[in-house]
Amino acid sequence: RASLSSMADFSAPLPQAAELEAGPPLRERLRAVLSREFWRDMLDALHGQRAVYYRNLLRSAADLREFSRPSQPEALLRIPANARVFWPIYTALAILPMLLYTLLSSHWLFTGSLMIGAMWAYAYLLKSEAPSLNIFGMPIPKALACGVFSLLVMLITGMLSAFLWAVVFGLLLALPHMVLHKVPSPETLAEEEMQSLQPVQ
């Protein structure tokens, strides 16, 4: 009679081993985010050329000298033009706060957003080394799996319609600025950017 030790195959890796192997990359990512070098690089990036452009754009958006009461034809021209120029300002100060308020105002929407965030974090943090996810025994690309899952959650929770209304209300909040602010020329923004990049004497 064969012994139990001869019948059992201890050379095959346990299923838990694969989960443990995925641990070090996640810990290394968290350690990198919490390190001083990461935040030093982030602060250096804030002083880059792109950050200077956004600071000048915000300064131009808040400059009271650039506001005037337009005629009706001029107002119709200002709305799309200012929307193209100031869309980062409108997104950060009007649309994103409305989206955040919409998510926090409903437990159903908040739960759905947590589910979506957990799915993407699982795919790209816990399973960062894997090119795909095994769903019902079938390998599916991570982007496709996360996208389909996010779309289903948005449809079930009504998140799509809530986001649409949040964007509409955010644009309505930004509409007075679009109408009353003069459209800045690209040459003016470029000139302000070059002046900001010059070293202080």
N, C-alpha and C. Protein backbone atom coordinates (compact mmCIF):
# COMPACT_ATOMS: atom_id res chain seq x y z
N ARG A 1 0.85 -1.20 0.00
CA ARG A 1 0.00 0.00 0.00
C ARG A 1 0.89 1.24 0.00
N ALA A 2 0.57 2.13 -0.92
CA ALA A 2 1.39 3.34 -1.02
C ALA A 2 1.13 4.24 0.16
N SER A 3 2.17 4.85 0.66
CA SER A 3 2.03 5.76 1.80
C SER A 3 1.44 7.08 1.34
N LEU A 4 0.96 7.84 2.34
CA LEU A 4 0.36 9.14 2.02
C LEU A 4 1.38 10.11 1.46
N SER A 5 2.64 10.01 1.94
CA SER A 5 3.67 10.91 1.46
C SER A 5 4.02 10.68 0.02
N SER A 6 3.92 9.38 -0.44
CA SER A 6 4.22 9.09 -1.84
C SER A 6 3.08 9.49 -2.75
N MET A 7 1.81 9.44 -2.21
CA MET A 7 0.67 9.80 -3.04
C MET A 7 0.53 11.31 -3.21
N ALA A 8 0.90 12.08 -2.20
CA ALA A 8 0.76 13.53 -2.28
C ALA A 8 1.91 14.14 -3.05
N ASP A 9 1.60 15.10 -3.86
CA ASP A 9 2.60 15.81 -4.64
C ASP A 9 2.83 17.18 -4.03
N PHE A 10 3.91 17.29 -3.27
CA PHE A 10 4.22 18.56 -2.60
C PHE A 10 5.06 19.49 -3.47
N SER A 11 5.40 19.06 -4.68
CA SER A 11 6.20 19.91 -5.56
C SER A 11 5.37 20.99 -6.24
N ALA A 12 4.03 20.76 -6.36
CA ALA A 12 3.18 21.76 -7.01
C ALA A 12 2.99 22.95 -6.09
N PRO A 13 3.07 24.16 -6.61
CA PRO A 13 2.90 25.35 -5.76
C PRO A 13 1.45 25.49 -5.31
N LEU A 14 1.28 25.97 -4.10
CA LEU A 14 -0.05 26.19 -3.56
C LEU A 14 -0.69 27.39 -4.23
N PRO A 15 -2.04 27.45 -4.27
CA PRO A 15 -2.71 28.62 -4.87
C PRO A 15 -2.39 29.90 -4.14
N GLN A 16 -2.13 29.81 -2.81
CA GLN A 16 -1.82 31.02 -2.07
C GLN A 16 -0.48 31.62 -2.46
N ALA A 17 0.39 30.81 -3.09
CA ALA A 17 1.71 31.32 -3.44
C ALA A 17 1.62 32.41 -4.49
N ALA A 18 0.69 32.22 -5.43
CA ALA A 18 0.54 33.25 -6.47
C ALA A 18 0.07 34.56 -5.88
N GLU A 19 -0.82 34.48 -4.85
CA GLU A 19 -1.27 35.71 -4.22
C GLU A 19 -0.17 36.39 -3.45
N LEU A 20 0.72 35.58 -2.83
CA LEU A 20 1.82 36.16 -2.08
C LEU A 20 2.84 36.81 -2.99
N GLU A 21 2.98 36.22 -4.21
CA GLU A 21 3.95 36.81 -5.14
C GLU A 21 3.49 38.18 -5.63
N ALA A 22 2.16 38.40 -5.61
CA ALA A 22 1.67 39.70 -6.06
C ALA A 22 1.78 40.77 -4.99
N GLY A 23 2.19 40.34 -3.76
CA GLY A 23 2.27 41.29 -2.67
C GLY A 23 3.41 42.28 -2.79
N PRO A 24 4.65 41.83 -3.06
CA PRO A 24 5.77 42.78 -3.10
C PRO A 24 5.61 43.92 -4.08
N PRO A 25 5.10 43.71 -5.32
CA PRO A 25 4.94 44.88 -6.19
C PRO A 25 4.00 45.93 -5.60
N LEU A 26 2.91 45.50 -4.96
CA LEU A 26 1.99 46.45 -4.35
C LEU A 26 2.66 47.19 -3.20
N ARG A 27 3.41 46.49 -2.38
CA ARG A 27 4.09 47.14 -1.27
C ARG A 27 5.15 48.11 -1.78
N GLU A 28 5.82 47.74 -2.86
CA GLU A 28 6.81 48.65 -3.43
C GLU A 28 6.16 49.90 -3.99
N ARG A 29 4.98 49.76 -4.61
CA ARG A 29 4.27 50.93 -5.13
C ARG A 29 3.84 51.86 -3.99
N LEU A 30 3.29 51.27 -2.93
CA LEU A 30 2.88 52.09 -1.79
C LEU A 30 4.08 52.76 -1.14
N ARG A 31 5.19 52.04 -1.04
CA ARG A 31 6.39 52.63 -0.44
C ARG A 31 6.92 53.76 -1.31
N ALA A 32 6.79 53.61 -2.64
CA ALA A 32 7.26 54.67 -3.53
C ALA A 32 6.39 55.91 -3.42
N VAL A 33 5.05 55.70 -3.27
CA VAL A 33 4.15 56.84 -3.15
C VAL A 33 4.39 57.59 -1.85
N LEU A 34 4.73 56.86 -0.78
CA LEU A 34 4.94 57.48 0.52
C LEU A 34 6.35 58.02 0.71
N SER A 35 7.20 57.82 -0.27
CA SER A 35 8.58 58.26 -0.11
C SER A 35 8.70 59.76 -0.35
N ARG A 36 9.79 60.33 0.14
CA ARG A 36 10.04 61.76 -0.05
C ARG A 36 10.35 62.08 -1.50
N GLU A 37 11.00 61.14 -2.20
CA GLU A 37 11.36 61.39 -3.59
C GLU A 37 10.12 61.58 -4.45
N PHE A 38 9.07 60.80 -4.17
CA PHE A 38 7.85 60.90 -4.96
C PHE A 38 7.23 62.28 -4.83
N TRP A 39 7.09 62.77 -3.59
CA TRP A 39 6.48 64.07 -3.37
C TRP A 39 7.40 65.20 -3.81
N ARG A 40 8.72 64.99 -3.75
CA ARG A 40 9.64 66.01 -4.27
C ARG A 40 9.48 66.15 -5.77
N ASP A 41 9.33 64.99 -6.46
CA ASP A 41 9.11 65.05 -7.90
C ASP A 41 7.77 65.71 -8.24
N MET A 42 6.75 65.46 -7.42
CA MET A 42 5.46 66.09 -7.65
C MET A 42 5.55 67.60 -7.50
N LEU A 43 6.27 68.06 -6.49
CA LEU A 43 6.44 69.50 -6.31
C LEU A 43 7.25 70.12 -7.44
N ASP A 44 8.24 69.38 -7.93
CA ASP A 44 9.01 69.90 -9.07
C ASP A 44 8.14 70.00 -10.32
N ALA A 45 7.22 69.04 -10.47
CA ALA A 45 6.34 69.08 -11.64
C ALA A 45 5.38 70.26 -11.58
N LEU A 46 5.01 70.68 -10.37
CA LEU A 46 4.11 71.82 -10.24
C LEU A 46 4.75 73.12 -10.71
N HIS A 47 6.08 73.15 -10.72
CA HIS A 47 6.78 74.34 -11.17
C HIS A 47 7.20 74.25 -12.64
N GLY A 48 6.69 73.25 -13.33
CA GLY A 48 7.04 73.07 -14.72
C GLY A 48 6.31 74.04 -15.62
N GLN A 49 6.57 73.90 -16.91
CA GLN A 49 6.00 74.82 -17.89
C GLN A 49 4.49 74.68 -17.97
N ARG A 50 3.99 73.44 -17.86
CA ARG A 50 2.54 73.25 -17.93
C ARG A 50 1.85 73.89 -16.73
N ALA A 51 2.47 73.77 -15.55
CA ALA A 51 1.89 74.39 -14.36
C ALA A 51 1.86 75.91 -14.49
N VAL A 52 2.90 76.48 -15.10
CA VAL A 52 2.93 77.93 -15.31
C VAL A 52 1.78 78.35 -16.23
N TYR A 53 1.51 77.57 -17.24
CA TYR A 53 0.40 77.89 -18.15
C TYR A 53 -0.93 77.89 -17.41
N TYR A 54 -1.15 76.90 -16.54
CA TYR A 54 -2.41 76.83 -15.80
C TYR A 54 -2.53 77.96 -14.79
N ARG A 55 -1.42 78.36 -14.19
CA ARG A 55 -1.48 79.48 -13.26
C ARG A 55 -1.82 80.77 -13.99
N ASN A 56 -1.23 80.97 -15.16
CA ASN A 56 -1.57 82.16 -15.96
C ASN A 56 -3.02 82.11 -16.45
N LEU A 57 -3.49 80.91 -16.76
CA LEU A 57 -4.88 80.77 -17.19
C LEU A 57 -5.83 81.11 -16.05
N LEU A 58 -5.51 80.66 -14.84
CA LEU A 58 -6.34 81.00 -13.69
C LEU A 58 -6.29 82.49 -13.38
N ARG A 59 -5.11 83.09 -13.53
CA ARG A 59 -4.98 84.53 -13.29
C ARG A 59 -5.80 85.32 -14.31
N SER A 60 -5.78 84.87 -15.55
CA SER A 60 -6.57 85.55 -16.57
C SER A 60 -8.06 85.37 -16.33
N ALA A 61 -8.47 84.20 -15.85
CA ALA A 61 -9.90 83.96 -15.59
C ALA A 61 -10.42 84.81 -14.46
N ALA A 62 -9.57 85.16 -13.49
CA ALA A 62 -10.01 85.94 -12.33
C ALA A 62 -9.71 87.43 -12.47
N ASP A 63 -9.15 87.85 -13.60
CA ASP A 63 -8.82 89.26 -13.79
C ASP A 63 -10.10 90.05 -14.08
N LEU A 64 -10.47 90.93 -13.16
CA LEU A 64 -11.70 91.71 -13.32
C LEU A 64 -11.63 92.68 -14.49
N ARG A 65 -10.44 93.05 -14.92
CA ARG A 65 -10.32 93.96 -16.06
C ARG A 65 -10.71 93.29 -17.37
N GLU A 66 -10.79 91.97 -17.38
CA GLU A 66 -11.13 91.25 -18.60
C GLU A 66 -12.63 90.98 -18.73
N PHE A 67 -13.42 91.51 -17.80
CA PHE A 67 -14.87 91.29 -17.87
C PHE A 67 -15.54 92.51 -18.49
N SER A 68 -16.54 92.24 -19.29
CA SER A 68 -17.31 93.31 -19.91
C SER A 68 -18.67 92.75 -20.31
N ARG A 69 -19.63 93.66 -20.45
CA ARG A 69 -20.97 93.26 -20.86
C ARG A 69 -21.02 93.20 -22.38
N PRO A 70 -21.23 92.03 -22.94
CA PRO A 70 -21.19 91.91 -24.41
C PRO A 70 -22.56 92.12 -25.03
N SER A 71 -22.55 92.35 -26.30
CA SER A 71 -23.79 92.33 -27.07
C SER A 71 -24.21 90.87 -27.30
N GLN A 72 -25.42 90.68 -27.76
CA GLN A 72 -25.91 89.32 -27.94
C GLN A 72 -25.07 88.53 -28.95
N PRO A 73 -24.73 89.08 -30.12
CA PRO A 73 -23.87 88.30 -31.02
C PRO A 73 -22.50 88.00 -30.42
N GLU A 74 -21.94 88.99 -29.70
CA GLU A 74 -20.63 88.77 -29.10
C GLU A 74 -20.70 87.71 -28.00
N ALA A 75 -21.80 87.69 -27.24
CA ALA A 75 -21.96 86.69 -26.19
C ALA A 75 -22.03 85.28 -26.78
N LEU A 76 -22.69 85.13 -27.91
CA LEU A 76 -22.77 83.83 -28.56
C LEU A 76 -21.41 83.37 -29.07
N LEU A 77 -20.55 84.31 -29.40
CA LEU A 77 -19.19 83.96 -29.82
C LEU A 77 -18.29 83.66 -28.63
N ARG A 78 -18.53 84.33 -27.51
CA ARG A 78 -17.67 84.12 -26.34
C ARG A 78 -17.87 82.75 -25.71
N ILE A 79 -19.08 82.24 -25.72
CA ILE A 79 -19.37 80.99 -24.99
C ILE A 79 -18.52 79.83 -25.50
N PRO A 80 -18.53 79.49 -26.80
CA PRO A 80 -17.68 78.37 -27.24
C PRO A 80 -16.20 78.69 -27.18
N ALA A 81 -15.84 79.96 -27.41
CA ALA A 81 -14.42 80.32 -27.39
C ALA A 81 -13.85 80.22 -25.97
N ASN A 82 -14.55 80.76 -24.98
CA ASN A 82 -14.09 80.65 -23.61
C ASN A 82 -14.15 79.23 -23.09
N ALA A 83 -15.11 78.44 -23.58
CA ALA A 83 -15.18 77.04 -23.17
C ALA A 83 -13.94 76.28 -23.63
N ARG A 84 -13.43 76.60 -24.82
CA ARG A 84 -12.22 75.93 -25.31
C ARG A 84 -10.98 76.39 -24.54
N VAL A 85 -10.95 77.66 -24.16
CA VAL A 85 -9.75 78.19 -23.49
C VAL A 85 -9.73 77.82 -22.01
N PHE A 86 -10.86 78.00 -21.33
CA PHE A 86 -10.90 77.85 -19.88
C PHE A 86 -11.46 76.51 -19.42
N TRP A 87 -11.50 75.50 -20.29
CA TRP A 87 -12.09 74.24 -19.87
C TRP A 87 -11.39 73.60 -18.67
N PRO A 88 -10.06 73.75 -18.46
CA PRO A 88 -9.50 73.20 -17.22
C PRO A 88 -10.03 73.89 -15.97
N ILE A 89 -10.25 75.22 -16.05
CA ILE A 89 -10.78 75.96 -14.92
C ILE A 89 -12.22 75.55 -14.64
N TYR A 90 -13.03 75.46 -15.68
CA TYR A 90 -14.43 75.08 -15.50
C TYR A 90 -14.55 73.65 -14.97
N THR A 91 -13.67 72.76 -15.45
CA THR A 91 -13.73 71.38 -14.98
C THR A 91 -13.35 71.28 -13.51
N ALA A 92 -12.28 71.98 -13.10
CA ALA A 92 -11.80 71.87 -11.73
C ALA A 92 -12.69 72.59 -10.73
N LEU A 93 -13.28 73.72 -11.13
CA LEU A 93 -14.01 74.55 -10.17
C LEU A 93 -15.53 74.42 -10.26
N ALA A 94 -16.05 73.84 -11.32
CA ALA A 94 -17.50 73.74 -11.47
C ALA A 94 -17.97 72.31 -11.68
N ILE A 95 -17.38 71.61 -12.64
CA ILE A 95 -17.90 70.28 -12.99
C ILE A 95 -17.50 69.25 -11.95
N LEU A 96 -16.22 69.20 -11.57
CA LEU A 96 -15.78 68.21 -10.59
C LEU A 96 -16.46 68.37 -9.23
N PRO A 97 -16.62 69.58 -8.70
CA PRO A 97 -17.39 69.68 -7.44
C PRO A 97 -18.82 69.17 -7.57
N MET A 98 -19.47 69.42 -8.70
CA MET A 98 -20.82 68.90 -8.89
C MET A 98 -20.82 67.38 -8.97
N LEU A 99 -19.81 66.80 -9.64
CA LEU A 99 -19.72 65.34 -9.69
C LEU A 99 -19.50 64.76 -8.29
N LEU A 100 -18.62 65.39 -7.52
CA LEU A 100 -18.36 64.90 -6.17
C LEU A 100 -19.61 65.02 -5.29
N TYR A 101 -20.31 66.13 -5.39
CA TYR A 101 -21.54 66.30 -4.62
C TYR A 101 -22.58 65.27 -5.02
N THR A 102 -22.65 64.96 -6.31
CA THR A 102 -23.61 63.96 -6.78
C THR A 102 -23.29 62.58 -6.22
N LEU A 103 -22.01 62.23 -6.19
CA LEU A 103 -21.63 60.92 -5.66
C LEU A 103 -21.90 60.81 -4.17
N LEU A 104 -21.61 61.88 -3.42
CA LEU A 104 -21.77 61.84 -1.97
C LEU A 104 -23.22 62.01 -1.53
N SER A 105 -24.08 62.51 -2.41
CA SER A 105 -25.47 62.74 -2.03
C SER A 105 -26.31 61.47 -2.07
N SER A 106 -25.81 60.40 -2.66
CA SER A 106 -26.57 59.16 -2.78
C SER A 106 -25.70 57.98 -2.35
N HIS A 107 -26.21 57.18 -1.41
CA HIS A 107 -25.47 55.99 -0.98
C HIS A 107 -25.32 55.00 -2.14
N TRP A 108 -26.32 54.93 -2.99
CA TRP A 108 -26.29 54.01 -4.12
C TRP A 108 -25.18 54.39 -5.10
N LEU A 109 -25.07 55.68 -5.42
CA LEU A 109 -24.02 56.14 -6.32
C LEU A 109 -22.64 56.03 -5.67
N PHE A 110 -22.57 56.31 -4.37
CA PHE A 110 -21.29 56.20 -3.67
C PHE A 110 -20.81 54.76 -3.64
N THR A 111 -21.72 53.82 -3.41
CA THR A 111 -21.35 52.40 -3.42
C THR A 111 -20.89 51.97 -4.81
N GLY A 112 -21.59 52.46 -5.83
CA GLY A 112 -21.17 52.12 -7.19
C GLY A 112 -19.80 52.66 -7.53
N SER A 113 -19.49 53.87 -7.10
CA SER A 113 -18.17 54.43 -7.36
C SER A 113 -17.08 53.66 -6.62
N LEU A 114 -17.38 53.20 -5.40
CA LEU A 114 -16.42 52.37 -4.67
C LEU A 114 -16.18 51.04 -5.38
N MET A 115 -17.23 50.45 -5.92
CA MET A 115 -17.09 49.19 -6.66
C MET A 115 -16.22 49.38 -7.90
N ILE A 116 -16.45 50.48 -8.62
CA ILE A 116 -15.64 50.74 -9.81
C ILE A 116 -14.19 50.98 -9.44
N GLY A 117 -13.97 51.79 -8.41
CA GLY A 117 -12.59 52.05 -7.98
C GLY A 117 -11.89 50.79 -7.50
N ALA A 118 -12.63 49.91 -6.79
CA ALA A 118 -12.03 48.67 -6.31
C ALA A 118 -11.67 47.75 -7.48
N MET A 119 -12.50 47.74 -8.51
CA MET A 119 -12.21 46.90 -9.67
C MET A 119 -10.95 47.35 -10.39
N TRP A 120 -10.82 48.65 -10.62
CA TRP A 120 -9.62 49.16 -11.30
C TRP A 120 -8.38 49.01 -10.43
N ALA A 121 -8.52 49.19 -9.11
CA ALA A 121 -7.37 49.01 -8.23
C ALA A 121 -6.94 47.54 -8.20
N TYR A 122 -7.90 46.63 -8.20
CA TYR A 122 -7.56 45.20 -8.22
C TYR A 122 -6.84 44.82 -9.51
N ALA A 123 -7.29 45.39 -10.63
CA ALA A 123 -6.72 45.02 -11.92
C ALA A 123 -5.32 45.60 -12.12
N TYR A 124 -5.12 46.85 -11.70
CA TYR A 124 -3.86 47.53 -12.04
C TYR A 124 -2.92 47.71 -10.86
N LEU A 125 -3.33 47.32 -9.65
CA LEU A 125 -2.43 47.34 -8.51
C LEU A 125 -2.14 45.93 -8.00
N LEU A 126 -3.18 45.21 -7.62
CA LEU A 126 -2.97 43.85 -7.12
C LEU A 126 -2.54 42.89 -8.23
N LYS A 127 -3.06 43.11 -9.44
CA LYS A 127 -2.72 42.26 -10.58
C LYS A 127 -1.94 43.05 -11.63
N SER A 128 -1.00 43.85 -11.17
CA SER A 128 -0.28 44.72 -12.09
C SER A 128 0.60 43.95 -13.07
N GLU A 129 1.08 42.78 -12.67
CA GLU A 129 1.95 42.00 -13.56
C GLU A 129 1.17 41.19 -14.56
N ALA A 130 -0.09 40.92 -14.31
CA ALA A 130 -0.88 40.07 -15.22
C ALA A 130 -1.40 40.90 -16.38
N PRO A 131 -1.28 40.40 -17.62
CA PRO A 131 -1.79 41.16 -18.78
C PRO A 131 -3.30 41.10 -18.92
N SER A 132 -3.95 40.13 -18.25
CA SER A 132 -5.40 39.97 -18.38
C SER A 132 -5.95 39.44 -17.07
N LEU A 133 -7.27 39.41 -16.99
CA LEU A 133 -7.98 38.89 -15.83
C LEU A 133 -8.75 37.63 -16.23
N ASN A 134 -8.72 36.65 -15.36
CA ASN A 134 -9.46 35.42 -15.60
C ASN A 134 -10.88 35.57 -15.07
N ILE A 135 -11.83 35.64 -15.97
CA ILE A 135 -13.24 35.78 -15.62
C ILE A 135 -13.98 34.58 -16.17
N PHE A 136 -14.53 33.76 -15.25
CA PHE A 136 -15.20 32.51 -15.61
C PHE A 136 -14.28 31.61 -16.44
N GLY A 137 -13.00 31.63 -16.08
CA GLY A 137 -12.04 30.78 -16.75
C GLY A 137 -11.54 31.29 -18.08
N MET A 138 -11.94 32.50 -18.47
CA MET A 138 -11.52 33.07 -19.75
C MET A 138 -10.64 34.28 -19.51
N PRO A 139 -9.46 34.32 -20.15
CA PRO A 139 -8.59 35.51 -20.01
C PRO A 139 -9.14 36.68 -20.81
N ILE A 140 -9.39 37.79 -20.13
CA ILE A 140 -9.94 38.99 -20.76
C ILE A 140 -9.00 40.15 -20.47
N PRO A 141 -8.66 40.97 -21.46
CA PRO A 141 -7.80 42.14 -21.19
C PRO A 141 -8.35 43.01 -20.07
N LYS A 142 -7.45 43.53 -19.27
CA LYS A 142 -7.86 44.27 -18.09
C LYS A 142 -8.68 45.50 -18.43
N ALA A 143 -8.26 46.23 -19.45
CA ALA A 143 -9.00 47.44 -19.82
C ALA A 143 -10.43 47.11 -20.25
N LEU A 144 -10.59 46.04 -21.01
CA LEU A 144 -11.93 45.63 -21.46
C LEU A 144 -12.78 45.17 -20.28
N ALA A 145 -12.19 44.35 -19.40
CA ALA A 145 -12.94 43.85 -18.25
C ALA A 145 -13.36 44.98 -17.32
N CYS A 146 -12.45 45.89 -17.03
CA CYS A 146 -12.78 47.01 -16.15
C CYS A 146 -13.77 47.96 -16.81
N GLY A 147 -13.64 48.18 -18.12
CA GLY A 147 -14.57 49.07 -18.81
C GLY A 147 -15.98 48.52 -18.82
N VAL A 148 -16.13 47.23 -19.13
CA VAL A 148 -17.46 46.61 -19.15
C VAL A 148 -18.07 46.60 -17.75
N PHE A 149 -17.25 46.25 -16.75
CA PHE A 149 -17.75 46.24 -15.37
C PHE A 149 -18.19 47.64 -14.94
N SER A 150 -17.40 48.66 -15.27
CA SER A 150 -17.75 50.03 -14.90
C SER A 150 -19.04 50.47 -15.60
N LEU A 151 -19.20 50.12 -16.87
CA LEU A 151 -20.41 50.49 -17.60
C LEU A 151 -21.64 49.82 -17.00
N LEU A 152 -21.52 48.54 -16.62
CA LEU A 152 -22.64 47.84 -16.02
C LEU A 152 -23.03 48.47 -14.68
N VAL A 153 -22.04 48.79 -13.87
CA VAL A 153 -22.33 49.41 -12.58
C VAL A 153 -22.98 50.78 -12.78
N MET A 154 -22.49 51.55 -13.75
CA MET A 154 -23.09 52.86 -14.02
C MET A 154 -24.53 52.75 -14.48
N LEU A 155 -24.83 51.73 -15.30
CA LEU A 155 -26.20 51.55 -15.77
C LEU A 155 -27.12 51.08 -14.66
N ILE A 156 -26.62 50.19 -13.80
CA ILE A 156 -27.46 49.64 -12.73
C ILE A 156 -27.75 50.72 -11.68
N THR A 157 -26.73 51.49 -11.31
CA THR A 157 -26.90 52.48 -10.25
C THR A 157 -27.45 53.81 -10.75
N GLY A 158 -27.59 53.99 -12.06
CA GLY A 158 -28.04 55.27 -12.58
C GLY A 158 -26.97 56.33 -12.56
N MET A 159 -25.71 55.92 -12.55
CA MET A 159 -24.61 56.87 -12.43
C MET A 159 -24.43 57.68 -13.71
N LEU A 160 -24.75 57.10 -14.86
CA LEU A 160 -24.57 57.83 -16.11
C LEU A 160 -25.48 59.05 -16.18
N SER A 161 -26.74 58.87 -15.85
CA SER A 161 -27.66 60.01 -15.87
C SER A 161 -27.30 61.03 -14.81
N ALA A 162 -26.84 60.57 -13.64
CA ALA A 162 -26.42 61.50 -12.58
C ALA A 162 -25.21 62.30 -13.01
N PHE A 163 -24.25 61.65 -13.67
CA PHE A 163 -23.08 62.37 -14.17
C PHE A 163 -23.47 63.38 -15.24
N LEU A 164 -24.41 63.01 -16.10
CA LEU A 164 -24.82 63.93 -17.16
C LEU A 164 -25.44 65.19 -16.56
N TRP A 165 -26.31 65.03 -15.56
CA TRP A 165 -26.91 66.20 -14.93
C TRP A 165 -25.87 67.02 -14.19
N ALA A 166 -24.88 66.35 -13.57
CA ALA A 166 -23.82 67.08 -12.87
C ALA A 166 -23.01 67.92 -13.85
N VAL A 167 -22.71 67.38 -15.03
CA VAL A 167 -21.97 68.15 -16.03
C VAL A 167 -22.80 69.34 -16.53
N VAL A 168 -24.10 69.11 -16.74
CA VAL A 168 -24.97 70.19 -17.20
C VAL A 168 -25.03 71.31 -16.16
N PHE A 169 -25.21 70.97 -14.88
CA PHE A 169 -25.26 71.99 -13.84
C PHE A 169 -23.91 72.69 -13.68
N GLY A 170 -22.81 71.94 -13.83
CA GLY A 170 -21.50 72.57 -13.77
C GLY A 170 -21.29 73.58 -14.88
N LEU A 171 -21.75 73.24 -16.08
CA LEU A 171 -21.64 74.18 -17.20
C LEU A 171 -22.54 75.40 -17.00
N LEU A 172 -23.70 75.20 -16.38
CA LEU A 172 -24.57 76.34 -16.10
C LEU A 172 -23.93 77.28 -15.08
N LEU A 173 -23.20 76.71 -14.12
CA LEU A 173 -22.48 77.57 -13.17
C LEU A 173 -21.37 78.37 -13.85
N ALA A 174 -20.74 77.76 -14.85
CA ALA A 174 -19.66 78.45 -15.56
C ALA A 174 -20.15 79.36 -16.67
N LEU A 175 -21.44 79.28 -17.00
CA LEU A 175 -21.96 80.07 -18.13
C LEU A 175 -21.80 81.57 -17.94
N PRO A 176 -22.07 82.15 -16.77
CA PRO A 176 -21.85 83.61 -16.64
C PRO A 176 -20.41 84.03 -16.93
N HIS A 177 -19.45 83.21 -16.53
CA HIS A 177 -18.06 83.55 -16.82
C HIS A 177 -17.79 83.47 -18.31
N MET A 178 -18.36 82.48 -18.98
CA MET A 178 -18.17 82.36 -20.42
C MET A 178 -18.70 83.58 -21.16
N VAL A 179 -19.80 84.13 -20.66
CA VAL A 179 -20.45 85.25 -21.35
C VAL A 179 -19.74 86.57 -21.05
N LEU A 180 -19.37 86.80 -19.79
CA LEU A 180 -18.87 88.10 -19.38
C LEU A 180 -17.37 88.26 -19.58
N HIS A 181 -16.62 87.18 -19.66
CA HIS A 181 -15.16 87.30 -19.79
C HIS A 181 -14.77 87.45 -21.26
N LYS A 182 -13.86 88.37 -21.50
CA LYS A 182 -13.33 88.52 -22.85
C LYS A 182 -12.50 87.29 -23.23
N VAL A 183 -12.53 86.94 -24.47
CA VAL A 183 -11.77 85.77 -24.93
C VAL A 183 -10.30 86.14 -25.01
N PRO A 184 -9.45 85.50 -24.20
CA PRO A 184 -8.01 85.82 -24.27
C PRO A 184 -7.39 85.24 -25.53
N SER A 185 -6.50 85.98 -26.10
CA SER A 185 -5.83 85.51 -27.31
C SER A 185 -4.70 84.56 -26.93
N PRO A 186 -4.40 83.57 -27.76
CA PRO A 186 -3.27 82.68 -27.47
C PRO A 186 -1.95 83.42 -27.33
N GLU A 187 -1.79 84.53 -28.07
CA GLU A 187 -0.54 85.29 -27.96
C GLU A 187 -0.39 85.89 -26.57
N THR A 188 -1.49 86.34 -25.97
CA THR A 188 -1.41 86.93 -24.63
C THR A 188 -1.02 85.89 -23.60
N LEU A 189 -1.63 84.69 -23.68
CA LEU A 189 -1.28 83.63 -22.73
C LEU A 189 0.16 83.17 -22.92
N ALA A 190 0.61 83.10 -24.18
CA ALA A 190 1.99 82.69 -24.43
C ALA A 190 2.97 83.72 -23.90
N GLU A 191 2.63 85.00 -24.06
CA GLU A 191 3.51 86.05 -23.56
C GLU A 191 3.60 86.01 -22.03
N GLU A 192 2.47 85.81 -21.36
CA GLU A 192 2.48 85.71 -19.90
C GLU A 192 3.26 84.48 -19.45
N GLU A 193 3.15 83.41 -20.21
CA GLU A 193 3.91 82.20 -19.85
C GLU A 193 5.40 82.43 -19.97
N MET A 194 5.84 83.10 -21.02
CA MET A 194 7.27 83.37 -21.18
C MET A 194 7.77 84.31 -20.10
N GLN A 195 6.96 85.28 -19.69
CA GLN A 195 7.37 86.17 -18.61
C GLN A 195 7.47 85.43 -17.29
N SER A 196 6.60 84.45 -17.06
CA SER A 196 6.65 83.69 -15.80
C SER A 196 7.84 82.77 -15.76
N LEU A 197 8.28 82.29 -16.92
CA LEU A 197 9.42 81.37 -16.96
C LEU A 197 10.75 82.07 -16.86
N GLN A 198 10.76 83.40 -17.05
CA GLN A 198 12.01 84.12 -16.95
C GLN A 198 12.51 84.15 -15.51
N PRO A 199 13.81 83.95 -15.28
CA PRO A 199 14.31 83.99 -13.90
C PRO A 199 14.23 85.38 -13.31
N VAL A 200 13.96 85.40 -12.01
CA VAL A 200 13.86 86.68 -11.30
C VAL A 200 15.26 87.25 -11.09
N GLN A 201 15.43 88.52 -11.48
CA GLN A 201 16.73 89.15 -11.36
C GLN A 201 16.99 89.55 -9.89
